[in-house]
Amino acid sequence: MDYLLAESSILKENYIYVLGIDHPAKFLNSGRSIASVLGRNVKLRGEFAGRFGNQYPTVKDYYRTSKDAVIVQDILPFVPEAHCGCA
């Protein structure tokens, strides 16, 4: 799930499209630290920390509270020729 989509103030449904749901689901429910995920993006890391502090230490902690903000849509059933061995 994209952080900027999840925190968007625009009142519309937000989608992120994936080829296969297994890997994204595993990541979003992982215990990987937010600091690790945002480590290279100094601006985004600062924005996230300024907004939430240490409230969400792991990816799954943030995802649990924001998962309804973005619809993760698997497009593989609709575009089978896009199969890349990632499902």
N, C-alpha and C. Protein backbone atom coordinates (compact mmCIF):
# COMPACT_ATOMS: atom_id res chain seq x y z
N MET A 1 0.85 -1.16 0.00
CA MET A 1 0.00 0.00 0.00
C MET A 1 0.90 1.23 0.00
N ASP A 2 0.53 2.18 -0.74
CA ASP A 2 1.29 3.40 -0.87
C ASP A 2 0.89 4.37 0.24
N TYR A 3 1.87 4.82 1.02
CA TYR A 3 1.63 5.75 2.13
C TYR A 3 0.94 7.03 1.67
N LEU A 4 1.38 7.59 0.56
CA LEU A 4 0.80 8.85 0.09
C LEU A 4 -0.66 8.66 -0.33
N LEU A 5 -1.01 7.51 -0.89
CA LEU A 5 -2.41 7.23 -1.21
C LEU A 5 -3.22 7.09 0.07
N ALA A 6 -2.68 6.36 1.03
CA ALA A 6 -3.40 6.12 2.29
C ALA A 6 -3.67 7.42 3.04
N GLU A 7 -2.78 8.36 2.96
CA GLU A 7 -2.92 9.61 3.70
C GLU A 7 -3.50 10.75 2.87
N SER A 8 -3.90 10.47 1.66
CA SER A 8 -4.46 11.48 0.78
C SER A 8 -5.73 12.09 1.37
N SER A 9 -5.88 13.38 1.21
CA SER A 9 -7.09 14.06 1.72
C SER A 9 -8.19 14.12 0.66
N ILE A 10 -7.91 13.62 -0.53
CA ILE A 10 -8.91 13.61 -1.60
C ILE A 10 -9.95 12.54 -1.28
N LEU A 11 -11.21 12.92 -1.34
CA LEU A 11 -12.29 12.00 -0.99
C LEU A 11 -12.69 11.16 -2.21
N LYS A 12 -11.95 10.10 -2.43
CA LYS A 12 -12.24 9.16 -3.51
C LYS A 12 -11.62 7.83 -3.13
N GLU A 13 -12.03 6.78 -3.82
CA GLU A 13 -11.41 5.49 -3.57
C GLU A 13 -10.00 5.49 -4.18
N ASN A 14 -9.06 5.00 -3.41
CA ASN A 14 -7.67 4.92 -3.87
C ASN A 14 -7.31 3.47 -4.10
N TYR A 15 -6.73 3.18 -5.25
CA TYR A 15 -6.34 1.83 -5.62
C TYR A 15 -4.85 1.76 -5.87
N ILE A 16 -4.28 0.61 -5.56
CA ILE A 16 -2.94 0.28 -6.00
C ILE A 16 -3.07 -1.08 -6.67
N TYR A 17 -2.55 -1.20 -7.88
CA TYR A 17 -2.71 -2.40 -8.67
C TYR A 17 -1.44 -3.24 -8.60
N VAL A 18 -1.62 -4.53 -8.37
CA VAL A 18 -0.50 -5.45 -8.23
C VAL A 18 -0.69 -6.68 -9.11
N LEU A 19 0.40 -7.32 -9.45
CA LEU A 19 0.35 -8.60 -10.19
C LEU A 19 0.56 -9.71 -9.17
N GLY A 20 -0.51 -10.24 -8.66
CA GLY A 20 -0.43 -11.25 -7.61
C GLY A 20 -0.47 -10.59 -6.25
N ILE A 21 -1.23 -11.15 -5.35
CA ILE A 21 -1.45 -10.52 -4.04
C ILE A 21 -0.54 -11.07 -2.95
N ASP A 22 0.07 -12.23 -3.18
CA ASP A 22 0.83 -12.88 -2.12
C ASP A 22 1.98 -12.04 -1.56
N HIS A 23 2.83 -11.52 -2.43
CA HIS A 23 3.99 -10.74 -1.97
C HIS A 23 3.57 -9.43 -1.30
N PRO A 24 2.66 -8.66 -1.90
CA PRO A 24 2.22 -7.44 -1.21
C PRO A 24 1.58 -7.73 0.14
N ALA A 25 0.75 -8.77 0.22
CA ALA A 25 0.09 -9.11 1.49
C ALA A 25 1.12 -9.50 2.54
N LYS A 26 2.12 -10.27 2.13
CA LYS A 26 3.18 -10.67 3.06
C LYS A 26 3.92 -9.45 3.58
N PHE A 27 4.25 -8.52 2.69
CA PHE A 27 4.95 -7.30 3.10
C PHE A 27 4.09 -6.44 4.04
N LEU A 28 2.84 -6.21 3.66
CA LEU A 28 1.97 -5.33 4.45
C LEU A 28 1.67 -5.89 5.84
N ASN A 29 1.76 -7.17 6.00
CA ASN A 29 1.52 -7.80 7.30
C ASN A 29 2.81 -8.22 7.99
N SER A 30 3.91 -7.66 7.53
CA SER A 30 5.22 -8.05 8.07
C SER A 30 5.61 -7.23 9.30
N GLY A 31 6.60 -7.73 9.97
CA GLY A 31 7.15 -7.03 11.12
C GLY A 31 8.33 -6.15 10.76
N ARG A 32 8.50 -5.87 9.48
CA ARG A 32 9.61 -5.02 9.04
C ARG A 32 9.43 -3.61 9.61
N SER A 33 10.50 -3.03 10.05
CA SER A 33 10.41 -1.72 10.69
C SER A 33 10.12 -0.61 9.67
N ILE A 34 9.32 0.35 10.11
CA ILE A 34 9.02 1.52 9.27
C ILE A 34 10.31 2.26 8.94
N ALA A 35 11.21 2.37 9.92
CA ALA A 35 12.48 3.06 9.68
C ALA A 35 13.26 2.39 8.56
N SER A 36 13.23 1.08 8.50
CA SER A 36 13.93 0.35 7.44
C SER A 36 13.30 0.61 6.08
N VAL A 37 11.98 0.60 6.02
CA VAL A 37 11.27 0.80 4.76
C VAL A 37 11.46 2.22 4.24
N LEU A 38 11.44 3.19 5.13
CA LEU A 38 11.57 4.59 4.73
C LEU A 38 13.00 5.10 4.80
N GLY A 39 13.93 4.23 5.09
CA GLY A 39 15.32 4.61 5.34
C GLY A 39 15.97 5.49 4.32
N ARG A 40 15.76 5.24 3.05
CA ARG A 40 16.45 6.01 2.00
C ARG A 40 15.74 7.29 1.61
N ASN A 41 14.48 7.40 1.93
CA ASN A 41 13.71 8.58 1.55
C ASN A 41 13.61 9.52 2.75
N VAL A 42 14.58 10.39 2.87
CA VAL A 42 14.69 11.27 4.03
C VAL A 42 13.45 12.16 4.17
N LYS A 43 12.97 12.71 3.08
CA LYS A 43 11.81 13.59 3.13
C LYS A 43 10.57 12.83 3.63
N LEU A 44 10.30 11.67 3.06
CA LEU A 44 9.13 10.88 3.45
C LEU A 44 9.27 10.37 4.88
N ARG A 45 10.46 9.94 5.27
CA ARG A 45 10.70 9.48 6.64
C ARG A 45 10.43 10.60 7.63
N GLY A 46 10.88 11.82 7.31
CA GLY A 46 10.63 12.96 8.18
C GLY A 46 9.15 13.31 8.27
N GLU A 47 8.45 13.25 7.14
CA GLU A 47 7.01 13.53 7.12
C GLU A 47 6.26 12.50 7.96
N PHE A 48 6.61 11.24 7.79
CA PHE A 48 5.94 10.17 8.54
C PHE A 48 6.20 10.33 10.04
N ALA A 49 7.44 10.57 10.41
CA ALA A 49 7.79 10.74 11.82
C ALA A 49 7.12 11.98 12.41
N GLY A 50 7.04 13.06 11.64
CA GLY A 50 6.39 14.27 12.11
C GLY A 50 4.90 14.07 12.33
N ARG A 51 4.31 13.24 11.54
CA ARG A 51 2.87 13.00 11.64
C ARG A 51 2.52 11.96 12.70
N PHE A 52 3.33 10.90 12.80
CA PHE A 52 2.98 9.78 13.68
C PHE A 52 3.97 9.51 14.81
N GLY A 53 5.12 10.15 14.79
CA GLY A 53 6.13 9.86 15.82
C GLY A 53 6.52 8.39 15.77
N ASN A 54 6.49 7.74 16.91
CA ASN A 54 6.83 6.32 17.01
C ASN A 54 5.60 5.44 17.15
N GLN A 55 4.45 5.95 16.77
CA GLN A 55 3.18 5.25 16.92
C GLN A 55 3.15 3.93 16.14
N TYR A 56 3.83 3.86 15.00
CA TYR A 56 3.82 2.69 14.15
C TYR A 56 5.25 2.17 13.94
N PRO A 57 5.73 1.30 14.80
CA PRO A 57 7.10 0.82 14.64
C PRO A 57 7.30 -0.14 13.47
N THR A 58 6.24 -0.85 13.05
CA THR A 58 6.39 -1.81 11.96
C THR A 58 5.37 -1.55 10.86
N VAL A 59 5.62 -2.14 9.71
CA VAL A 59 4.72 -2.01 8.57
C VAL A 59 3.32 -2.49 8.94
N LYS A 60 3.22 -3.65 9.60
CA LYS A 60 1.90 -4.18 9.94
C LYS A 60 1.16 -3.29 10.93
N ASP A 61 1.87 -2.59 11.81
CA ASP A 61 1.21 -1.68 12.75
C ASP A 61 0.52 -0.55 11.99
N TYR A 62 1.21 0.01 11.00
CA TYR A 62 0.61 1.08 10.20
C TYR A 62 -0.52 0.53 9.33
N TYR A 63 -0.29 -0.62 8.69
CA TYR A 63 -1.27 -1.21 7.78
C TYR A 63 -2.58 -1.54 8.50
N ARG A 64 -2.49 -2.04 9.71
CA ARG A 64 -3.71 -2.40 10.46
C ARG A 64 -4.65 -1.21 10.61
N THR A 65 -4.13 -0.02 10.76
CA THR A 65 -4.99 1.14 10.98
C THR A 65 -5.35 1.88 9.70
N SER A 66 -4.64 1.61 8.61
CA SER A 66 -4.90 2.37 7.38
C SER A 66 -5.29 1.50 6.19
N LYS A 67 -5.50 0.21 6.41
CA LYS A 67 -5.74 -0.70 5.28
C LYS A 67 -7.02 -0.41 4.52
N ASP A 68 -7.98 0.26 5.13
CA ASP A 68 -9.22 0.58 4.43
C ASP A 68 -9.09 1.83 3.56
N ALA A 69 -7.98 2.53 3.65
CA ALA A 69 -7.79 3.76 2.89
C ALA A 69 -7.38 3.51 1.44
N VAL A 70 -6.81 2.34 1.17
CA VAL A 70 -6.35 2.00 -0.18
C VAL A 70 -6.78 0.57 -0.50
N ILE A 71 -7.33 0.38 -1.67
CA ILE A 71 -7.74 -0.94 -2.12
C ILE A 71 -6.59 -1.53 -2.91
N VAL A 72 -6.07 -2.67 -2.43
CA VAL A 72 -5.00 -3.37 -3.14
C VAL A 72 -5.68 -4.34 -4.10
N GLN A 73 -5.59 -4.04 -5.38
CA GLN A 73 -6.31 -4.80 -6.41
C GLN A 73 -5.36 -5.67 -7.21
N ASP A 74 -5.58 -6.96 -7.16
CA ASP A 74 -4.80 -7.91 -7.95
C ASP A 74 -5.36 -7.91 -9.37
N ILE A 75 -4.56 -7.53 -10.36
CA ILE A 75 -5.05 -7.49 -11.74
C ILE A 75 -4.71 -8.75 -12.52
N LEU A 76 -3.97 -9.66 -11.91
CA LEU A 76 -3.59 -10.88 -12.62
C LEU A 76 -4.79 -11.66 -13.16
N PRO A 77 -5.90 -11.78 -12.41
CA PRO A 77 -7.05 -12.50 -12.98
C PRO A 77 -7.64 -11.82 -14.22
N PHE A 78 -7.41 -10.55 -14.37
CA PHE A 78 -7.97 -9.79 -15.49
C PHE A 78 -7.01 -9.67 -16.67
N VAL A 79 -5.71 -9.83 -16.38
CA VAL A 79 -4.69 -9.69 -17.41
C VAL A 79 -3.71 -10.86 -17.28
N PRO A 80 -4.16 -12.08 -17.60
CA PRO A 80 -3.30 -13.25 -17.38
C PRO A 80 -1.99 -13.22 -18.16
N GLU A 81 -1.97 -12.51 -19.29
CA GLU A 81 -0.73 -12.43 -20.05
C GLU A 81 0.35 -11.61 -19.34
N ALA A 82 -0.04 -10.91 -18.28
CA ALA A 82 0.93 -10.12 -17.51
C ALA A 82 1.63 -10.97 -16.46
N HIS A 83 1.30 -12.23 -16.38
CA HIS A 83 1.90 -13.11 -15.38
C HIS A 83 3.42 -13.07 -15.49
N CYS A 84 4.05 -12.79 -14.38
CA CYS A 84 5.51 -12.66 -14.39
C CYS A 84 6.18 -13.68 -13.48
N GLY A 85 5.41 -14.65 -13.00
CA GLY A 85 5.97 -15.62 -12.07
C GLY A 85 6.00 -15.09 -10.66
N CYS A 86 5.32 -13.97 -10.41
CA CYS A 86 5.35 -13.35 -9.08
C CYS A 86 4.11 -13.68 -8.26
N ALA A 87 3.17 -14.40 -8.82
CA ALA A 87 1.95 -14.73 -8.08
C ALA A 87 2.15 -15.96 -7.23
